[in-house]
């Protein structure tokens, strides 16, 4: 099922119109295993341009998967908007809508990035 959705994202003539729905889906199914990284993340990374919607999703409700995606971007040597992405991780540590798993992941990712940075 997720593989079919991922294929639809990758083949869509304007995949960016699908980004809000994908991230809302991740937020709603926060407790579900959607892969690590899984087909949705692979599809988003394949088409690119998703970082603004990822950021908006983390502001709404950080999830383990969306925070993991932020960390993955930060691991790139040339991460754009590094400061902004680190700030999103920091805000997620105390975010009222984040699960305890997401808050813990945010703290761990933030620690690793600050050590690396």
N, C-alpha and C. Protein backbone atom coordinates (compact mmCIF):
# COMPACT_ATOMS: atom_id res chain seq x y z
N UNK A 1 0.82 -1.19 0.00
CA UNK A 1 0.00 0.00 0.00
C UNK A 1 0.86 1.26 0.00
N UNK A 2 1.80 1.37 0.96
CA UNK A 2 2.67 2.56 0.99
C UNK A 2 3.55 2.64 -0.25
N UNK A 3 3.96 1.50 -0.76
CA UNK A 3 4.77 1.50 -1.98
C UNK A 3 3.98 2.06 -3.15
N UNK A 4 2.69 1.76 -3.20
CA UNK A 4 1.84 2.31 -4.27
C UNK A 4 1.69 3.82 -4.13
N UNK A 5 1.54 4.29 -2.91
CA UNK A 5 1.44 5.73 -2.66
C UNK A 5 2.75 6.40 -3.06
N UNK A 6 3.87 5.79 -2.69
CA UNK A 6 5.18 6.34 -3.03
C UNK A 6 5.35 6.44 -4.54
N UNK A 7 4.94 5.41 -5.26
CA UNK A 7 5.02 5.44 -6.73
C UNK A 7 4.16 6.56 -7.30
N UNK A 8 3.00 6.78 -6.71
CA UNK A 8 2.13 7.87 -7.15
C UNK A 8 2.78 9.23 -6.93
N UNK A 9 3.46 9.38 -5.81
CA UNK A 9 4.16 10.65 -5.54
C UNK A 9 5.25 10.87 -6.57
N UNK A 10 6.05 9.85 -6.80
CA UNK A 10 7.18 9.98 -7.72
C UNK A 10 6.73 10.20 -9.16
N UNK A 11 5.58 9.67 -9.55
CA UNK A 11 5.13 9.80 -10.94
C UNK A 11 4.19 10.98 -11.16
N UNK A 12 3.81 11.65 -10.08
CA UNK A 12 2.87 12.78 -10.19
C UNK A 12 3.55 13.94 -10.92
N UNK A 13 2.84 14.60 -11.85
CA UNK A 13 3.45 15.72 -12.59
C UNK A 13 3.82 16.90 -11.69
N UNK A 14 3.12 17.07 -10.57
CA UNK A 14 3.41 18.13 -9.60
C UNK A 14 3.39 17.53 -8.20
N UNK A 15 4.42 16.78 -7.84
CA UNK A 15 4.37 16.06 -6.57
C UNK A 15 4.23 16.97 -5.34
N UNK A 16 4.65 18.21 -5.43
CA UNK A 16 4.57 19.11 -4.28
C UNK A 16 3.13 19.30 -3.79
N UNK A 17 2.15 19.15 -4.67
CA UNK A 17 0.75 19.31 -4.24
C UNK A 17 0.34 18.17 -3.30
N UNK A 18 1.09 17.08 -3.31
CA UNK A 18 0.79 15.94 -2.46
C UNK A 18 1.48 16.01 -1.09
N UNK A 19 2.49 16.87 -0.96
CA UNK A 19 3.27 16.92 0.27
C UNK A 19 2.42 17.16 1.52
N UNK A 20 1.49 18.13 1.51
CA UNK A 20 0.70 18.34 2.73
C UNK A 20 -0.04 17.08 3.17
N UNK A 21 -0.64 16.37 2.23
CA UNK A 21 -1.37 15.15 2.58
C UNK A 21 -0.44 14.08 3.15
N UNK A 22 0.75 13.96 2.58
CA UNK A 22 1.71 12.96 3.05
C UNK A 22 2.12 13.27 4.49
N UNK A 23 2.42 14.53 4.77
CA UNK A 23 2.85 14.87 6.13
C UNK A 23 1.70 14.79 7.14
N UNK A 24 0.50 15.16 6.74
CA UNK A 24 -0.65 14.99 7.64
C UNK A 24 -0.87 13.50 7.94
N UNK A 25 -0.67 12.67 6.95
CA UNK A 25 -0.77 11.22 7.12
C UNK A 25 0.25 10.74 8.17
N UNK A 26 1.49 11.21 8.05
CA UNK A 26 2.54 10.84 9.01
C UNK A 26 2.17 11.30 10.42
N UNK A 27 1.60 12.49 10.52
CA UNK A 27 1.20 13.02 11.83
C UNK A 27 0.09 12.16 12.45
N UNK A 28 -0.91 11.81 11.64
CA UNK A 28 -2.03 11.01 12.16
C UNK A 28 -1.61 9.62 12.58
N UNK A 29 -0.64 9.05 11.87
CA UNK A 29 -0.22 7.67 12.14
C UNK A 29 1.12 7.64 12.86
N UNK A 30 1.31 8.58 13.75
CA UNK A 30 2.57 8.71 14.49
C UNK A 30 2.97 7.42 15.19
N UNK A 31 2.03 6.69 15.72
CA UNK A 31 2.34 5.48 16.47
C UNK A 31 2.58 4.26 15.57
N UNK A 32 2.36 4.40 14.28
CA UNK A 32 2.52 3.28 13.35
C UNK A 32 3.93 3.27 12.75
N UNK A 33 4.39 2.10 12.41
CA UNK A 33 5.69 1.96 11.75
C UNK A 33 5.48 2.14 10.25
N UNK A 34 5.93 3.28 9.74
CA UNK A 34 5.79 3.57 8.31
C UNK A 34 7.09 3.28 7.55
N UNK A 35 8.03 2.64 8.23
CA UNK A 35 9.30 2.28 7.62
C UNK A 35 10.45 3.10 8.18
N UNK A 36 11.63 2.65 7.89
CA UNK A 36 12.82 3.33 8.38
C UNK A 36 13.89 3.32 7.29
N UNK A 37 13.87 4.22 6.36
CA UNK A 37 12.96 5.34 6.28
C UNK A 37 11.61 5.00 5.67
N UNK A 38 11.55 4.01 4.86
CA UNK A 38 10.27 3.61 4.29
C UNK A 38 10.01 4.24 2.94
N UNK A 39 8.99 3.73 2.24
CA UNK A 39 8.72 4.18 0.87
C UNK A 39 8.29 5.64 0.78
N UNK A 40 7.58 6.15 1.77
CA UNK A 40 7.16 7.55 1.69
C UNK A 40 8.36 8.49 1.73
N UNK A 41 9.28 8.22 2.65
CA UNK A 41 10.47 9.06 2.76
C UNK A 41 11.31 8.93 1.50
N UNK A 42 11.47 7.73 1.00
CA UNK A 42 12.24 7.55 -0.23
C UNK A 42 11.62 8.34 -1.38
N UNK A 43 10.31 8.31 -1.48
CA UNK A 43 9.63 9.04 -2.55
C UNK A 43 9.83 10.54 -2.40
N UNK A 44 9.67 11.05 -1.18
CA UNK A 44 9.87 12.48 -0.95
C UNK A 44 11.29 12.90 -1.28
N UNK A 45 12.25 12.10 -0.87
CA UNK A 45 13.64 12.42 -1.17
C UNK A 45 13.93 12.34 -2.66
N UNK A 46 13.26 11.44 -3.36
CA UNK A 46 13.47 11.30 -4.80
C UNK A 46 12.98 12.52 -5.57
N UNK A 47 11.86 13.09 -5.14
CA UNK A 47 11.31 14.24 -5.88
C UNK A 47 11.85 15.55 -5.36
N UNK A 48 12.27 15.61 -4.09
CA UNK A 48 12.85 16.83 -3.52
C UNK A 48 11.83 17.94 -3.31
N UNK A 49 12.28 19.03 -2.72
CA UNK A 49 11.43 20.19 -2.52
C UNK A 49 10.45 20.09 -1.37
N UNK A 50 10.60 19.11 -0.51
CA UNK A 50 9.63 18.85 0.55
C UNK A 50 9.96 19.52 1.87
N UNK A 51 11.14 20.11 2.01
CA UNK A 51 11.59 20.61 3.31
C UNK A 51 10.66 21.67 3.90
N UNK A 52 10.11 22.62 3.13
CA UNK A 52 9.18 23.56 3.74
C UNK A 52 7.96 22.88 4.36
N UNK A 53 7.41 21.88 3.70
CA UNK A 53 6.25 21.18 4.26
C UNK A 53 6.65 20.28 5.42
N UNK A 54 7.84 19.71 5.37
CA UNK A 54 8.36 18.94 6.51
C UNK A 54 8.47 19.85 7.73
N UNK A 55 9.01 21.03 7.53
CA UNK A 55 9.16 21.99 8.63
C UNK A 55 7.80 22.36 9.21
N UNK A 56 6.83 22.62 8.35
CA UNK A 56 5.48 22.95 8.82
C UNK A 56 4.87 21.79 9.61
N UNK A 57 5.13 20.58 9.17
CA UNK A 57 4.62 19.40 9.86
C UNK A 57 5.23 19.29 11.26
N UNK A 58 6.52 19.52 11.36
CA UNK A 58 7.19 19.43 12.66
C UNK A 58 6.66 20.51 13.60
N UNK A 59 6.34 21.67 13.07
CA UNK A 59 5.76 22.73 13.90
C UNK A 59 4.38 22.30 14.41
N UNK A 60 3.59 21.66 13.53
CA UNK A 60 2.25 21.21 13.94
C UNK A 60 2.31 20.09 14.96
N UNK A 61 3.04 19.03 14.59
CA UNK A 61 3.13 17.84 15.45
C UNK A 61 4.36 17.02 15.06
N UNK A 62 5.43 17.18 15.82
CA UNK A 62 6.63 16.40 15.50
C UNK A 62 6.35 14.90 15.71
N UNK A 63 6.81 14.10 14.79
CA UNK A 63 6.71 12.65 14.93
C UNK A 63 8.11 12.06 14.84
N UNK A 64 8.26 10.84 15.26
CA UNK A 64 9.57 10.22 15.16
C UNK A 64 10.07 10.26 13.71
N UNK A 65 9.20 9.93 12.76
CA UNK A 65 9.62 9.87 11.36
C UNK A 65 9.99 11.24 10.80
N UNK A 66 9.20 12.27 11.11
CA UNK A 66 9.54 13.60 10.57
C UNK A 66 10.80 14.15 11.23
N UNK A 67 11.00 13.85 12.49
CA UNK A 67 12.25 14.29 13.15
C UNK A 67 13.44 13.52 12.60
N UNK A 68 13.22 12.26 12.32
CA UNK A 68 14.27 11.44 11.72
C UNK A 68 14.65 12.01 10.35
N UNK A 69 13.64 12.47 9.60
CA UNK A 69 13.90 13.09 8.30
C UNK A 69 14.73 14.38 8.46
N UNK A 70 14.37 15.20 9.46
CA UNK A 70 15.16 16.41 9.73
C UNK A 70 16.61 16.05 10.03
N UNK A 71 16.80 15.06 10.88
CA UNK A 71 18.15 14.64 11.24
C UNK A 71 18.91 14.15 10.02
N UNK A 72 18.22 13.45 9.15
CA UNK A 72 18.84 12.94 7.93
C UNK A 72 19.32 14.09 7.04
N UNK A 73 18.53 15.15 6.96
CA UNK A 73 18.93 16.33 6.19
C UNK A 73 20.14 16.99 6.85
N UNK A 74 20.09 17.11 8.18
CA UNK A 74 21.20 17.73 8.91
C UNK A 74 22.49 16.94 8.78
N UNK A 75 22.41 15.65 8.55
CA UNK A 75 23.61 14.83 8.39
C UNK A 75 24.32 15.11 7.07
N UNK A 76 23.62 15.71 6.13
CA UNK A 76 24.25 16.06 4.85
C UNK A 76 25.26 17.18 5.10
N UNK A 77 26.39 17.08 4.51
CA UNK A 77 27.46 18.05 4.73
C UNK A 77 27.04 19.47 4.34
N UNK A 78 26.16 19.59 3.38
CA UNK A 78 25.77 20.90 2.88
C UNK A 78 24.33 21.27 3.26
N UNK A 79 23.90 20.88 4.43
CA UNK A 79 22.52 21.12 4.86
C UNK A 79 22.21 22.62 4.83
N UNK A 80 21.21 22.97 4.03
CA UNK A 80 20.75 24.35 3.98
C UNK A 80 19.89 24.62 5.21
N UNK A 81 19.85 25.86 5.64
CA UNK A 81 19.01 26.25 6.77
C UNK A 81 19.31 25.43 8.02
N UNK A 82 20.56 25.09 8.22
CA UNK A 82 20.95 24.25 9.36
C UNK A 82 20.43 24.82 10.69
N UNK A 83 20.61 26.10 10.89
CA UNK A 83 20.16 26.73 12.14
C UNK A 83 18.67 26.59 12.34
N UNK A 84 17.90 26.79 11.29
CA UNK A 84 16.44 26.68 11.37
C UNK A 84 16.02 25.24 11.69
N UNK A 85 16.69 24.29 11.06
CA UNK A 85 16.35 22.88 11.30
C UNK A 85 16.72 22.46 12.71
N UNK A 86 17.85 22.95 13.21
CA UNK A 86 18.23 22.66 14.60
C UNK A 86 17.22 23.28 15.57
N UNK A 87 16.73 24.46 15.24
CA UNK A 87 15.72 25.10 16.08
C UNK A 87 14.45 24.27 16.12
N UNK A 88 14.05 23.69 14.99
CA UNK A 88 12.88 22.81 14.97
C UNK A 88 13.07 21.60 15.88
N UNK A 89 14.27 21.02 15.84
CA UNK A 89 14.56 19.90 16.74
C UNK A 89 14.44 20.35 18.19
N UNK A 90 15.00 21.52 18.51
CA UNK A 90 14.97 22.01 19.89
C UNK A 90 13.54 22.24 20.35
N UNK A 91 12.71 22.81 19.50
CA UNK A 91 11.31 23.04 19.87
C UNK A 91 10.55 21.74 20.05
N UNK A 92 10.96 20.72 19.34
CA UNK A 92 10.27 19.43 19.41
C UNK A 92 10.50 18.69 20.72
N UNK A 93 11.59 19.01 21.40
CA UNK A 93 11.90 18.34 22.67
C UNK A 93 10.80 18.58 23.70
N UNK A 94 10.14 19.75 23.61
CA UNK A 94 9.10 20.10 24.59
C UNK A 94 7.72 20.27 23.93
N UNK A 95 7.60 19.91 22.69
CA UNK A 95 6.35 20.16 21.95
C UNK A 95 5.19 19.40 22.61
N UNK A 96 4.09 20.10 22.91
CA UNK A 96 2.97 19.45 23.62
C UNK A 96 2.26 18.36 22.82
N UNK A 97 2.34 18.39 21.51
CA UNK A 97 1.66 17.37 20.70
C UNK A 97 2.57 16.21 20.33
N UNK A 98 3.85 16.31 20.67
CA UNK A 98 4.79 15.24 20.35
C UNK A 98 4.66 14.10 21.34
N UNK A 99 4.77 12.89 20.84
CA UNK A 99 4.76 11.72 21.72
C UNK A 99 6.06 11.70 22.52
N UNK A 100 6.09 10.90 23.55
CA UNK A 100 7.33 10.79 24.33
C UNK A 100 8.46 10.24 23.47
N UNK A 101 8.12 9.34 22.55
CA UNK A 101 9.13 8.79 21.63
C UNK A 101 9.69 9.90 20.74
N UNK A 102 8.83 10.77 20.23
CA UNK A 102 9.28 11.86 19.37
C UNK A 102 10.12 12.86 20.16
N UNK A 103 9.69 13.19 21.37
CA UNK A 103 10.47 14.13 22.20
C UNK A 103 11.86 13.57 22.50
N UNK A 104 11.91 12.30 22.82
CA UNK A 104 13.20 11.65 23.09
C UNK A 104 14.09 11.65 21.85
N UNK A 105 13.51 11.33 20.71
CA UNK A 105 14.28 11.33 19.47
C UNK A 105 14.80 12.72 19.16
N UNK A 106 13.96 13.74 19.36
CA UNK A 106 14.39 15.12 19.11
C UNK A 106 15.59 15.47 19.98
N UNK A 107 15.54 15.09 21.24
CA UNK A 107 16.65 15.38 22.16
C UNK A 107 17.93 14.66 21.72
N UNK A 108 17.78 13.41 21.32
CA UNK A 108 18.95 12.64 20.87
C UNK A 108 19.53 13.21 19.59
N UNK A 109 18.68 13.52 18.63
CA UNK A 109 19.16 14.09 17.36
C UNK A 109 19.82 15.44 17.59
N UNK A 110 19.21 16.26 18.44
CA UNK A 110 19.75 17.58 18.73
C UNK A 110 21.13 17.45 19.38
N UNK A 111 21.26 16.54 20.32
CA UNK A 111 22.55 16.32 20.96
C UNK A 111 23.60 15.89 19.93
N UNK A 112 23.25 14.94 19.09
CA UNK A 112 24.21 14.46 18.06
C UNK A 112 24.60 15.58 17.11
N UNK A 113 23.62 16.37 16.69
CA UNK A 113 23.92 17.44 15.74
C UNK A 113 24.77 18.54 16.37
N UNK A 114 24.50 18.86 17.61
CA UNK A 114 25.30 19.89 18.29
C UNK A 114 26.71 19.40 18.54
N UNK A 115 26.87 18.10 18.79
CA UNK A 115 28.20 17.54 18.97
C UNK A 115 28.94 17.55 17.64
N UNK A 116 28.23 17.19 16.55
CA UNK A 116 28.83 17.16 15.23
C UNK A 116 29.10 18.57 14.69
N UNK A 117 28.13 19.47 14.97
CA UNK A 117 28.21 20.82 14.40
C UNK A 117 29.24 21.63 15.08
